[in-house]
C-alpha atoms as a PDB file:
ATOM      1  CA  MET A   1     116.008-174.236 -73.766  1.00  0.00           C
ATOM      2  CA  GLY A   2     113.827-174.179 -76.830  1.00  0.00           C
ATOM      3  CA  VAL A   3     110.888-172.027 -77.712  1.00  0.00           C
ATOM      4  CA  THR A   4     107.332-173.153 -78.087  1.00  0.00           C
ATOM      5  CA  GLY A   5     104.952-172.534 -80.947  1.00  0.00           C
ATOM      6  CA  GLY A   6     102.716-170.611 -78.450  1.00  0.00           C
ATOM      7  CA  GLU A   7     105.531-168.274 -77.627  1.00  0.00           C
ATOM      8  CA  ILE A   8     106.254-167.653 -81.196  1.00  0.00           C
ATOM      9  CA  ARG A   9     102.567-166.963 -81.996  1.00  0.00           C
ATOM     10  CA  GLU A  10     102.430-164.571 -78.960  1.00  0.00           C
ATOM     11  CA  LEU A  11     105.399-162.660 -80.251  1.00  0.00           C
ATOM     12  CA  LEU A  12     103.765-162.346 -83.671  1.00  0.00           C
ATOM     13  CA  GLY A  13     100.652-161.097 -81.913  1.00  0.00           C
ATOM     14  CA  GLU A  14     102.793-158.567 -80.069  1.00  0.00           C
ATOM     15  CA  HIS A  15     104.033-157.359 -83.380  1.00  0.00           C
ATOM     16  CA  GLU A  16     100.562-156.711 -84.512  1.00  0.00           C
ATOM     17  CA  GLY A  17      99.910-154.857 -81.307  1.00  0.00           C
ATOM     18  CA  ILE A  18     102.882-152.602 -81.908  1.00  0.00           C
ATOM     19  CA  ARG A  19     101.611-151.912 -85.390  1.00  0.00           C
ATOM     20  CA  ALA A  20      98.161-151.076 -83.955  1.00  0.00           C
ATOM     21  CA  HIS A  21      99.842-148.745 -81.400  1.00  0.00           C
ATOM     22  CA  MET A  22     101.765-146.980 -84.202  1.00  0.00           C
ATOM     23  CA  ARG A  23      98.521-146.520 -86.230  1.00  0.00           C
ATOM     24  CA  PHE A  24      96.924-144.929 -83.172  1.00  0.00           C
ATOM     25  CA  LEU A  25      99.898-142.592 -82.742  1.00  0.00           C
ATOM     26  CA  ILE A  26      99.772-141.707 -86.386  1.00  0.00           C
ATOM     27  CA  ARG A  27      96.040-140.791 -86.182  1.00  0.00           C
ATOM     28  CA  SER A  28      96.625-138.888 -82.962  1.00  0.00           C
ATOM     29  CA  ARG A  29      99.468-137.036 -84.582  1.00  0.00           C
ATOM     30  CA  GLU A  30      97.095-135.706 -87.275  1.00  0.00           C
ATOM     31  CA  ASN A  31      95.281-133.796 -84.534  1.00  0.00           C
ATOM     32  CA  LEU A  32      98.484-131.905 -83.639  1.00  0.00           C
ATOM     33  CA  ALA A  33      98.236-129.810 -86.818  1.00  0.00           C
ATOM     34  CA  THR A  34      95.032-128.132 -85.948  1.00  0.00           C
ATOM     35  CA  ARG A  35      95.249-124.509 -85.093  1.00  0.00           C
ATOM     36  CA  ASP A  36      93.348-123.670 -81.900  1.00  0.00           C
ATOM     37  CA  VAL A  37      94.042-122.889 -78.280  1.00  0.00           C
ATOM     38  CA  GLN A  38      94.295-126.524 -77.450  1.00  0.00           C
ATOM     39  CA  ALA A  39      97.148-127.310 -79.833  1.00  0.00           C
ATOM     40  CA  LYS A  40      99.824-127.271 -77.130  1.00  0.00           C
ATOM     41  CA  GLU A  41      97.618-129.461 -74.864  1.00  0.00           C
ATOM     42  CA  ARG A  42      97.377-131.909 -77.729  1.00  0.00           C
ATOM     43  CA  ILE A  43     101.139-132.060 -78.013  1.00  0.00           C
ATOM     44  CA  TRP A  44     101.455-132.825 -74.358  1.00  0.00           C
ATOM     45  CA  ALA A  45      98.770-135.544 -74.617  1.00  0.00           C
ATOM     46  CA  TYR A  46     100.625-136.986 -77.646  1.00  0.00           C
ATOM     47  CA  ARG A  47     103.791-136.864 -75.514  1.00  0.00           C
ATOM     48  CA  CYS A  48     102.025-139.115 -72.920  1.00  0.00           C
ATOM     49  CA  GLY A  49     101.110-141.579 -75.720  1.00  0.00           C
ATOM     50  CA  LEU A  50     104.783-141.661 -76.751  1.00  0.00           C
ATOM     51  CA  TYR A  51     105.804-142.577 -73.243  1.00  0.00           C
ATOM     52  CA  ASP A  52     103.221-145.458 -73.220  1.00  0.00           C
ATOM     53  CA  PHE A  53     104.598-146.561 -76.608  1.00  0.00           C
ATOM     54  CA  LYS A  54     108.165-146.417 -75.277  1.00  0.00           C
ATOM     55  CA  ASP A  55     107.176-148.660 -72.360  1.00  0.00           C
ATOM     56  CA  ALA A  56     105.422-151.027 -74.687  1.00  0.00           C
ATOM     57  CA  ILE A  57     108.454-151.257 -76.939  1.00  0.00           C
ATOM     58  CA  GLN A  58     110.798-151.843 -73.976  1.00  0.00           C
ATOM     59  CA  PHE A  59     108.674-154.743 -72.735  1.00  0.00           C
ATOM     60  CA  HIS A  60     108.435-156.160 -76.243  1.00  0.00           C
ATOM     61  CA  ILE A  61     112.214-155.997 -76.700  1.00  0.00           C
ATOM     62  CA  GLU A  62     112.828-158.033 -73.543  1.00  0.00           C
ATOM     63  CA  VAL A  63     110.385-160.771 -74.789  1.00  0.00           C
ATOM     64  CA  ASP A  64     111.771-160.506 -78.326  1.00  0.00           C
ATOM     65  CA  GLU A  65     115.347-161.038 -77.281  1.00  0.00           C
ATOM     66  CA  ARG A  66     114.451-163.996 -74.976  1.00  0.00           C
ATOM     67  CA  ILE A  67     112.591-165.794 -77.750  1.00  0.00           C
ATOM     68  CA  PHE A  68     115.089-165.098 -80.500  1.00  0.00           C
ATOM     69  CA  LYS A  69     117.949-166.412 -78.308  1.00  0.00           C
ATOM     70  CA  ALA A  70     115.953-169.624 -77.823  1.00  0.00           C
ATOM     71  CA  LEU A  71     115.347-170.222 -81.603  1.00  0.00           C
ATOM     72  CA  PRO A  72     117.511-172.873 -83.270  1.00  0.00           C
ATOM     73  CA  GLY A  73     120.671-171.378 -84.678  1.00  0.00           C
ATOM     74  CA  ASP A  74     119.652-171.533 -88.285  1.00  0.00           C
ATOM     75  CA  ALA A  75     116.258-169.782 -87.616  1.00  0.00           C
ATOM     76  CA  SER A  76     117.626-166.947 -85.497  1.00  0.00           C
ATOM     77  CA  LEU A  77     118.584-163.592 -86.844  1.00  0.00           C
ATOM     78  CA  LYS A  78     121.825-161.793 -86.165  1.00  0.00           C
ATOM     79  CA  ASP A  79     122.026-160.285 -82.717  1.00  0.00           C
ATOM     80  CA  PRO A  80     119.028-157.875 -82.575  1.00  0.00           C
ATOM     81  CA  THR A  81     120.525-155.844 -79.687  1.00  0.00           C
ATOM     82  CA  GLU A  82     122.000-153.185 -81.880  1.00  0.00           C
ATOM     83  CA  GLU A  83     118.761-152.684 -83.830  1.00  0.00           C
ATOM     84  CA  HIS A  84     116.750-152.633 -80.639  1.00  0.00           C
ATOM     85  CA  GLN A  85     119.067-149.925 -79.202  1.00  0.00           C
ATOM     86  CA  GLU A  86     118.593-147.842 -82.350  1.00  0.00           C
ATOM     87  CA  ILE A  87     114.799-148.161 -82.055  1.00  0.00           C
ATOM     88  CA  GLN A  88     114.942-147.054 -78.390  1.00  0.00           C
ATOM     89  CA  LYS A  89     117.304-144.182 -79.238  1.00  0.00           C
ATOM     90  CA  VAL A  90     115.042-142.853 -82.013  1.00  0.00           C
ATOM     91  CA  ILE A  91     111.946-143.135 -79.653  1.00  0.00           C
ATOM     92  CA  ASN A  92     113.876-141.279 -76.859  1.00  0.00           C
ATOM     93  CA  GLU A  93     114.825-138.503 -79.325  1.00  0.00           C
ATOM     94  CA  LEU A  94     111.155-138.102 -80.314  1.00  0.00           C
ATOM     95  CA  ILE A  95     110.097-137.978 -76.692  1.00  0.00           C
ATOM     96  CA  GLU A  96     112.816-135.314 -75.998  1.00  0.00           C
ATOM     97  CA  LEU A  97     111.431-133.279 -78.952  1.00  0.00           C
ATOM     98  CA  ALA A  98     107.906-133.559 -77.610  1.00  0.00           C
ATOM     99  CA  ASP A  99     109.059-132.834 -74.011  1.00  0.00           C
ATOM    100  CA  SER A 100     110.741-129.572 -75.020  1.00  0.00           C
ATOM    101  CA  ALA A 101     109.606-126.766 -72.777  1.00  0.00           C
ATOM    102  CA  VAL A 102     109.987-124.416 -75.643  1.00  0.00           C
ATOM    103  CA  ILE A 103     106.393-125.247 -77.000  1.00  0.00           C
ATOM    104  CA  ASP A 104     104.977-122.862 -74.367  1.00  0.00           C
ATOM    105  CA  ARG A 105     106.638-120.003 -76.090  1.00  0.00           C
ATOM    106  CA  LEU A 106     105.847-120.970 -79.686  1.00  0.00           C
ATOM    107  CA  GLY A 107     103.692-118.908 -81.936  1.00  0.00           C
ATOM    108  CA  GLU A 108     101.266-120.472 -84.418  1.00  0.00           C
ATOM    109  CA  GLU A 109     103.805-120.654 -87.266  1.00  0.00           C
ATOM    110  CA  LYS A 110     106.538-122.061 -85.103  1.00  0.00           C
ATOM    111  CA  LEU A 111     104.109-124.517 -83.610  1.00  0.00           C
ATOM    112  CA  ASP A 112     103.334-125.818 -87.145  1.00  0.00           C
ATOM    113  CA  GLN A 113     107.069-126.314 -87.791  1.00  0.00           C
ATOM    114  CA  TYR A 114     107.383-128.064 -84.444  1.00  0.00           C
ATOM    115  CA  THR A 115     104.503-130.449 -85.161  1.00  0.00           C
ATOM    116  CA  GLU A 116     106.128-131.201 -88.571  1.00  0.00           C
ATOM    117  CA  LYS A 117     109.326-132.179 -86.797  1.00  0.00           C
ATOM    118  CA  ILE A 118     107.314-134.508 -84.566  1.00  0.00           C
ATOM    119  CA  ARG A 119     105.656-136.029 -87.685  1.00  0.00           C
ATOM    120  CA  LEU A 120     108.954-136.606 -89.440  1.00  0.00           C
ATOM    121  CA  ALA A 121     110.515-138.108 -86.375  1.00  0.00           C
ATOM    122  CA  PHE A 122     107.621-140.496 -85.918  1.00  0.00           C
ATOM    123  CA  ASN A 123     107.792-141.442 -89.529  1.00  0.00           C
ATOM    124  CA  LYS A 124     111.435-142.460 -88.959  1.00  0.00           C
ATOM    125  CA  ILE A 125     110.379-144.597 -85.940  1.00  0.00           C
ATOM    126  CA  HIS A 126     107.491-146.132 -87.884  1.00  0.00           C
ATOM    127  CA  ASP A 127     109.715-147.166 -90.855  1.00  0.00           C
ATOM    128  CA  LEU A 128     112.483-148.506 -88.576  1.00  0.00           C
ATOM    129  CA  ILE A 129     110.032-150.624 -86.658  1.00  0.00           C
ATOM    130  CA  GLU A 130     108.080-151.827 -89.630  1.00  0.00           C
ATOM    131  CA  ALA A 131     111.291-153.139 -91.312  1.00  0.00           C
ATOM    132  CA  HIS A 132     112.367-154.804 -88.092  1.00  0.00           C
ATOM    133  CA  ILE A 133     109.012-156.478 -87.563  1.00  0.00           C
ATOM    134  CA  THR A 134     108.852-157.660 -91.154  1.00  0.00           C
ATOM    135  CA  ILE A 135     112.229-159.444 -90.868  1.00  0.00           C
ATOM    136  CA  GLU A 136     111.382-160.926 -87.499  1.00  0.00           C
ATOM    137  CA  ASN A 137     108.021-162.148 -88.626  1.00  0.00           C
ATOM    138  CA  ALA A 138     109.545-163.999 -91.616  1.00  0.00           C
ATOM    139  CA  ILE A 139     111.991-165.711 -89.256  1.00  0.00           C
ATOM    140  CA  LEU A 140     109.271-166.564 -86.752  1.00  0.00           C
ATOM    141  CA  GLU A 141     107.006-168.003 -89.397  1.00  0.00           C
ATOM    142  CA  GLU A 142     109.871-170.202 -90.629  1.00  0.00           C
ATOM    143  CA  ALA A 143     110.599-171.267 -87.071  1.00  0.00           C
ATOM    144  CA  LEU A 144     106.898-172.155 -86.538  1.00  0.00           C
ATOM    145  CA  LYS A 145     107.078-174.540 -89.622  1.00  0.00           C
ATOM    146  CA  LYS A 146     109.998-176.338 -87.995  1.00  0.00           C
ATOM    147  CA  ILE A 147     108.259-176.881 -84.603  1.00  0.00           C
END
């Protein structure tokens, strides 16, 4: 079964939604570095945002794989399953880091180091997803031209 132009445009729109979600998480992450009594609460709130992001990515991957399997053979990319699994793995690792019960026992200096680890982990996710979206968008744009 083929894919429609509307489905391709919807997937392109989802990519923009993921980018917007990542920008939100980046701005939220900047609040983690503040030194006050609410720093730990901010980490927990950020953690909730990461769970929402994980759910959004999971849903997107399901749509993504369905649409890419339906693209004509010359327009499709190599099996994206491995790359999708890597994205999910890195997101899960970041969530595990944010879930760590150790933050309750961290002092101010250790809390700063901890938030830096979160920042670096999210940067890795951001770069991985941005590269993935860029490749997919190029393929989707080409497929749209052929429909």
